[in-house]
């Protein structure tokens, strides 16, 4: 029985700037989602504690300064 060894080489080209940009975009989107969910939780908490009228009054005070 004859054994033959075949050596093969595979080269993979990696675009490091593309991969870095893709990672940075994913991190940015993830952080934006977390901040958005936190803001939503704060709005719901404010509505539960003060009611809709108080939330509207507070918003108008913040916008107009009165």
PDB file of N, CA and C in Angstrom:
ATOM      1  N   UNK A   1       0.848  -1.165   0.000  1.00  0.00           N
ATOM      2  CA  UNK A   1       0.000   0.000   0.000  1.00  0.00           C
ATOM      3  C   UNK A   1       0.897   1.232   0.000  1.00  0.00           C
ATOM      4  N   UNK A   2       0.614   2.148  -0.907  1.00  0.00           N
ATOM      5  CA  UNK A   2       1.405   3.356  -1.037  1.00  0.00           C
ATOM      6  C   UNK A   2       0.627   4.536  -0.444  1.00  0.00           C
ATOM      7  N   UNK A   3       1.301   5.341   0.416  1.00  0.00           N
ATOM      8  CA  UNK A   3       0.680   6.502   1.045  1.00  0.00           C
ATOM      9  C   UNK A   3       1.232   7.761   0.412  1.00  0.00           C
ATOM     10  N   UNK A   4       0.330   8.656   0.033  1.00  0.00           N
ATOM     11  CA  UNK A   4       0.741   9.918  -0.568  1.00  0.00           C
ATOM     12  C   UNK A   4       0.275  11.061   0.315  1.00  0.00           C
ATOM     13  N   UNK A   5       1.206  11.927   0.662  1.00  0.00           N
ATOM     14  CA  UNK A   5       0.871  13.121   1.451  1.00  0.00           C
ATOM     15  C   UNK A   5       0.744  14.301   0.504  1.00  0.00           C
ATOM     16  N   UNK A   6      -0.353  15.022   0.646  1.00  0.00           N
ATOM     17  CA  UNK A   6      -0.582  16.203  -0.183  1.00  0.00           C
ATOM     18  C   UNK A   6      -0.646  17.411   0.747  1.00  0.00           C
ATOM     19  N   UNK A   7       0.243  18.348   0.536  1.00  0.00           N
ATOM     20  CA  UNK A   7       0.252  19.578   1.329  1.00  0.00           C
ATOM     21  C   UNK A   7      -0.489  20.658   0.553  1.00  0.00           C
ATOM     22  N   UNK A   8      -1.470  21.227   1.186  1.00  0.00           N
ATOM     23  CA  UNK A   8      -2.211  22.316   0.554  1.00  0.00           C
ATOM     24  C   UNK A   8      -2.142  23.544   1.450  1.00  0.00           C
ATOM     25  N   UNK A   9      -2.141  24.694   0.828  1.00  0.00           N
ATOM     26  CA  UNK A   9      -2.089  25.946   1.571  1.00  0.00           C
ATOM     27  C   UNK A   9      -3.280  26.790   1.157  1.00  0.00           C
ATOM     28  N   UNK A  10      -3.992  27.300   2.158  1.00  0.00           N
ATOM     29  CA  UNK A  10      -5.125  28.178   1.901  1.00  0.00           C
ATOM     30  C   UNK A  10      -4.788  29.554   2.441  1.00  0.00           C
ATOM     31  N   UNK A  11      -4.949  30.551   1.630  1.00  0.00           N
ATOM     32  CA  UNK A  11      -4.733  31.920   2.067  1.00  0.00           C
ATOM     33  C   UNK A  11      -6.073  32.633   2.126  1.00  0.00           C
ATOM     34  N   UNK A  12      -6.282  33.336   3.229  1.00  0.00           N
ATOM     35  CA  UNK A  12      -7.515  34.080   3.407  1.00  0.00           C
ATOM     36  C   UNK A  12      -7.168  35.556   3.525  1.00  0.00           C
ATOM     37  N   UNK A  13      -7.808  36.346   2.713  1.00  0.00           N
ATOM     38  CA  UNK A  13      -7.573  37.779   2.760  1.00  0.00           C
ATOM     39  C   UNK A  13      -8.620  38.415   3.661  1.00  0.00           C
ATOM     40  N   UNK A  14      -8.169  39.189   4.625  1.00  0.00           N
ATOM     41  CA  UNK A  14      -9.075  39.849   5.563  1.00  0.00           C
ATOM     42  C   UNK A  14      -8.896  41.349   5.418  1.00  0.00           C
ATOM     43  N   UNK A  15     -10.002  42.023   5.217  1.00  0.00           N
ATOM     44  CA  UNK A  15      -9.976  43.475   5.142  1.00  0.00           C
ATOM     45  C   UNK A  15     -10.196  43.999   6.563  1.00  0.00           C
ATOM     46  N   UNK A  16      -9.116  44.375   7.226  1.00  0.00           N
ATOM     47  CA  UNK A  16      -9.187  44.746   8.641  1.00  0.00           C
ATOM     48  C   UNK A  16     -10.026  46.002   8.855  1.00  0.00           C
ATOM     49  N   UNK A  17      -9.943  46.955   7.961  1.00  0.00           N
ATOM     50  CA  UNK A  17     -10.721  48.187   8.156  1.00  0.00           C
ATOM     51  C   UNK A  17     -12.216  47.910   8.036  1.00  0.00           C
ATOM     52  N   UNK A  18     -12.602  47.021   7.136  1.00  0.00           N
ATOM     53  CA  UNK A  18     -14.017  46.661   7.003  1.00  0.00           C
ATOM     54  C   UNK A  18     -14.509  45.956   8.256  1.00  0.00           C
ATOM     55  N   UNK A  19     -13.717  45.017   8.759  1.00  0.00           N
ATOM     56  CA  UNK A  19     -14.114  44.282   9.959  1.00  0.00           C
ATOM     57  C   UNK A  19     -14.193  45.213  11.171  1.00  0.00           C
ATOM     58  N   UNK A  20     -13.262  46.142  11.277  1.00  0.00           N
ATOM     59  CA  UNK A  20     -13.275  47.091  12.378  1.00  0.00           C
ATOM     60  C   UNK A  20     -14.500  47.995  12.299  1.00  0.00           C
ATOM     61  N   UNK A  21     -14.816  48.456  11.097  1.00  0.00           N
ATOM     62  CA  UNK A  21     -15.990  49.315  10.914  1.00  0.00           C
ATOM     63  C   UNK A  21     -17.271  48.564  11.237  1.00  0.00           C
ATOM     64  N   UNK A  22     -17.323  47.316  10.820  1.00  0.00           N
ATOM     65  CA  UNK A  22     -18.511  46.504  11.091  1.00  0.00           C
ATOM     66  C   UNK A  22     -18.692  46.306  12.597  1.00  0.00           C
ATOM     67  N   UNK A  23     -17.606  46.064  13.308  1.00  0.00           N
ATOM     68  CA  UNK A  23     -17.666  45.889  14.762  1.00  0.00           C
ATOM     69  C   UNK A  23     -18.084  47.192  15.436  1.00  0.00           C
ATOM     70  N   UNK A  24     -17.497  48.313  15.016  1.00  0.00           N
ATOM     71  CA  UNK A  24     -17.827  49.611  15.621  1.00  0.00           C
ATOM     72  C   UNK A  24     -19.293  49.959  15.381  1.00  0.00           C
ATOM     73  N   UNK A  25     -19.801  49.666  14.203  1.00  0.00           N
ATOM     74  CA  UNK A  25     -21.206  49.924  13.908  1.00  0.00           C
ATOM     75  C   UNK A  25     -22.113  49.068  14.779  1.00  0.00           C
ATOM     76  N   UNK A  26     -21.761  47.817  14.957  1.00  0.00           N
ATOM     77  CA  UNK A  26     -22.566  46.925  15.800  1.00  0.00           C
ATOM     78  C   UNK A  26     -22.573  47.407  17.253  1.00  0.00           C
ATOM     79  N   UNK A  27     -21.421  47.852  17.749  1.00  0.00           N
ATOM     80  CA  UNK A  27     -21.349  48.370  19.122  1.00  0.00           C
ATOM     81  C   UNK A  27     -22.180  49.638  19.250  1.00  0.00           C
ATOM     82  N   UNK A  28     -22.093  50.522  18.252  1.00  0.00           N
ATOM     83  CA  UNK A  28     -22.873  51.762  18.279  1.00  0.00           C
ATOM     84  C   UNK A  28     -24.368  51.505  18.267  1.00  0.00           C
ATOM     85  N   UNK A  29     -24.802  50.585  17.444  1.00  0.00           N
ATOM     86  CA  UNK A  29     -26.227  50.247  17.387  1.00  0.00           C
ATOM     87  C   UNK A  29     -26.675  49.620  18.708  1.00  0.00           C
ATOM     88  N   UNK A  30     -25.844  48.767  19.271  1.00  0.00           N
ATOM     89  CA  UNK A  30     -26.180  48.143  20.551  1.00  0.00           C
ATOM     90  C   UNK A  30     -26.311  49.170  21.668  1.00  0.00           C
ATOM     91  N   UNK A  31     -25.374  50.111  21.715  1.00  0.00           N
ATOM     92  CA  UNK A  31     -25.436  51.153  22.750  1.00  0.00           C
ATOM     93  C   UNK A  31     -26.663  52.046  22.547  1.00  0.00           C
ATOM     94  N   UNK A  32     -26.988  52.385  21.306  1.00  0.00           N
ATOM     95  CA  UNK A  32     -28.168  53.203  21.034  1.00  0.00           C
ATOM     96  C   UNK A  32     -29.439  52.475  21.479  1.00  0.00           C
ATOM     97  N   UNK A  33     -29.483  51.172  21.261  1.00  0.00           N
ATOM     98  CA  UNK A  33     -30.651  50.390  21.681  1.00  0.00           C
ATOM     99  C   UNK A  33     -30.784  50.379  23.204  1.00  0.00           C
ATOM    100  N   UNK A  34     -29.661  50.211  23.901  1.00  0.00           N
ATOM    101  CA  UNK A  34     -29.694  50.199  25.367  1.00  0.00           C
ATOM    102  C   UNK A  34     -30.148  51.554  25.904  1.00  0.00           C
ATOM    103  N   UNK A  35     -29.614  52.635  25.337  1.00  0.00           N
ATOM    104  CA  UNK A  35     -29.995  53.977  25.785  1.00  0.00           C
ATOM    105  C   UNK A  35     -31.472  54.247  25.481  1.00  0.00           C
ATOM    106  N   UNK A  36     -31.937  53.816  24.320  1.00  0.00           N
ATOM    107  CA  UNK A  36     -33.347  53.990  23.975  1.00  0.00           C
ATOM    108  C   UNK A  36     -34.269  53.233  24.907  1.00  0.00           C
ATOM    109  N   UNK A  37     -33.893  52.008  25.257  1.00  0.00           N
ATOM    110  CA  UNK A  37     -34.710  51.227  26.195  1.00  0.00           C
ATOM    111  C   UNK A  37     -34.718  51.861  27.579  1.00  0.00           C
ATOM    112  N   UNK A  38     -33.570  52.405  27.996  1.00  0.00           N
ATOM    113  CA  UNK A  38     -33.507  53.085  29.292  1.00  0.00           C
ATOM    114  C   UNK A  38     -34.413  54.320  29.285  1.00  0.00           C
ATOM    115  N   UNK A  39     -34.383  55.088  28.209  1.00  0.00           N
ATOM    116  CA  UNK A  39     -35.249  56.260  28.100  1.00  0.00           C
ATOM    117  C   UNK A  39     -36.721  55.883  28.132  1.00  0.00           C
ATOM    118  N   UNK A  40     -37.072  54.816  27.445  1.00  0.00           N
ATOM    119  CA  UNK A  40     -38.457  54.343  27.450  1.00  0.00           C
ATOM    120  C   UNK A  40     -38.876  53.918  28.855  1.00  0.00           C
ATOM    121  N   UNK A  41     -37.988  53.229  29.560  1.00  0.00           N
ATOM    122  CA  UNK A  41     -38.298  52.814  30.930  1.00  0.00           C
ATOM    123  C   UNK A  41     -38.502  54.028  31.832  1.00  0.00           C
ATOM    124  N   UNK A  42     -37.685  55.071  31.643  1.00  0.00           N
ATOM    125  CA  UNK A  42     -37.838  56.292  32.445  1.00  0.00           C
ATOM    126  C   UNK A  42     -39.155  56.999  32.131  1.00  0.00           C
ATOM    127  N   UNK A  43     -39.540  57.035  30.848  1.00  0.00           N
ATOM    128  CA  UNK A  43     -40.812  57.663  30.479  1.00  0.00           C
ATOM    129  C   UNK A  43     -41.988  56.911  31.079  1.00  0.00           C
ATOM    130  N   UNK A  44     -41.951  55.600  31.033  1.00  0.00           N
ATOM    131  CA  UNK A  44     -43.034  54.798  31.604  1.00  0.00           C
ATOM    132  C   UNK A  44     -43.099  55.005  33.114  1.00  0.00           C
ATOM    133  N   UNK A  45     -41.933  55.045  33.753  1.00  0.00           N
ATOM    134  CA  UNK A  45     -41.891  55.284  35.197  1.00  0.00           C
ATOM    135  C   UNK A  45     -42.472  56.642  35.546  1.00  0.00           C
ATOM    136  N   UNK A  46     -42.143  57.664  34.759  1.00  0.00           N
ATOM    137  CA  UNK A  46     -42.692  58.996  35.002  1.00  0.00           C
ATOM    138  C   UNK A  46     -44.195  59.041  34.819  1.00  0.00           C
ATOM    139  N   UNK A  47     -44.694  58.328  33.819  1.00  0.00           N
ATOM    140  CA  UNK A  47     -46.143  58.285  33.598  1.00  0.00           C
ATOM    141  C   UNK A  47     -46.855  57.548  34.734  1.00  0.00           C
ATOM    142  N   UNK A  48     -46.234  56.496  35.240  1.00  0.00           N
ATOM    143  CA  UNK A  48     -46.848  55.740  36.330  1.00  0.00           C
ATOM    144  C   UNK A  48     -46.872  56.574  37.611  1.00  0.00           C
ATOM    145  N   UNK A  49     -45.783  57.269  37.896  1.00  0.00           N
ATOM    146  CA  UNK A  49     -45.687  58.024  39.155  1.00  0.00           C
ATOM    147  C   UNK A  49     -46.474  59.327  39.134  1.00  0.00           C
ATOM    148  N   UNK A  50     -46.477  60.048  38.016  1.00  0.00           N
ATOM    149  CA  UNK A  50     -47.105  61.363  38.000  1.00  0.00           C
ATOM    150  C   UNK A  50     -48.368  61.452  37.187  1.00  0.00           C
ATOM    151  N   UNK A  51     -48.602  60.525  36.310  1.00  0.00           N
ATOM    152  CA  UNK A  51     -49.770  60.576  35.446  1.00  0.00           C
ATOM    153  C   UNK A  51     -49.478  61.338  34.162  1.00  0.00           C
ATOM    154  N   UNK A  52     -50.404  61.245  33.221  1.00  0.00           N
ATOM    155  CA  UNK A  52     -50.223  61.855  31.906  1.00  0.00           C
ATOM    156  C   UNK A  52     -50.254  63.378  31.995  1.00  0.00           C
ATOM    157  N   UNK A  53     -51.136  63.929  32.785  1.00  0.00           N
ATOM    158  CA  UNK A  53     -51.235  65.391  32.920  1.00  0.00           C
ATOM    159  C   UNK A  53     -49.955  65.994  33.453  1.00  0.00           C
ATOM    160  N   UNK A  54     -49.372  65.366  34.444  1.00  0.00           N
ATOM    161  CA  UNK A  54     -48.120  65.854  35.018  1.00  0.00           C
ATOM    162  C   UNK A  54     -46.979  65.752  34.009  1.00  0.00           C
ATOM    163  N   UNK A  55     -46.979  64.696  33.210  1.00  0.00           N
ATOM    164  CA  UNK A  55     -45.934  64.532  32.199  1.00  0.00           C
ATOM    165  C   UNK A  55     -46.040  65.614  31.127  1.00  0.00           C
ATOM    166  N   UNK A  56     -47.260  65.913  30.697  1.00  0.00           N
ATOM    167  CA  UNK A  56     -47.457  66.956  29.693  1.00  0.00           C
ATOM    168  C   UNK A  56     -47.081  68.319  30.255  1.00  0.00           C
ATOM    169  N   UNK A  57     -47.488  68.588  31.489  1.00  0.00           N
ATOM    170  CA  UNK A  57     -47.147  69.862  32.130  1.00  0.00           C
ATOM    171  C   UNK A  57     -45.625  70.005  32.275  1.00  0.00           C
ATOM    172  N   UNK A  58     -44.960  68.958  32.695  1.00  0.00           N
ATOM    173  CA  UNK A  58     -43.509  68.986  32.825  1.00  0.00           C
ATOM    174  C   UNK A  58     -42.809  69.190  31.499  1.00  0.00           C
ATOM    175  N   UNK A  59     -43.331  68.573  30.444  1.00  0.00           N
ATOM    176  CA  UNK A  59     -42.758  68.743  29.108  1.00  0.00           C
ATOM    177  C   UNK A  59     -42.917  70.182  28.627  1.00  0.00           C
ATOM    178  N   UNK A  60     -44.107  70.732  28.820  1.00  0.00           N
ATOM    179  CA  UNK A  60     -44.345  72.113  28.390  1.00  0.00           C
ATOM    180  C   UNK A  60     -43.473  73.086  29.185  1.00  0.00           C
ATOM    181  N   UNK A  61     -43.282  72.821  30.466  1.00  0.00           N
ATOM    182  CA  UNK A  61     -42.394  73.657  31.284  1.00  0.00           C
ATOM    183  C   UNK A  61     -40.960  73.571  30.778  1.00  0.00           C
ATOM    184  N   UNK A  62     -40.540  72.377  30.412  1.00  0.00           N
ATOM    185  CA  UNK A  62     -39.176  72.214  29.907  1.00  0.00           C
ATOM    186  C   UNK A  62     -38.965  72.926  28.568  1.00  0.00           C
ATOM    187  N   UNK A  63     -39.996  72.916  27.713  1.00  0.00           N
ATOM    188  CA  UNK A  63     -39.868  73.530  26.393  1.00  0.00           C
ATOM    189  C   UNK A  63     -39.945  75.052  26.492  1.00  0.00           C
ATOM    190  N   UNK A  64     -40.911  75.564  27.260  1.00  0.00           N
ATOM    191  CA  UNK A  64     -41.137  77.018  27.300  1.00  0.00           C
ATOM    192  C   UNK A  64     -40.323  77.697  28.386  1.00  0.00           C
ATOM    193  N   UNK A  65     -39.945  77.005  29.428  1.00  0.00           N
ATOM    194  CA  UNK A  65     -39.184  77.600  30.520  1.00  0.00           C
ATOM    195  C   UNK A  65     -40.031  78.276  31.564  1.00  0.00           C
ATOM    196  N   UNK A  66     -41.354  78.179  31.478  1.00  0.00           N
ATOM    197  CA  UNK A  66     -42.249  78.821  32.456  1.00  0.00           C
ATOM    198  C   UNK A  66     -42.679  77.840  33.516  1.00  0.00           C
TER     199      UNK A  66
END
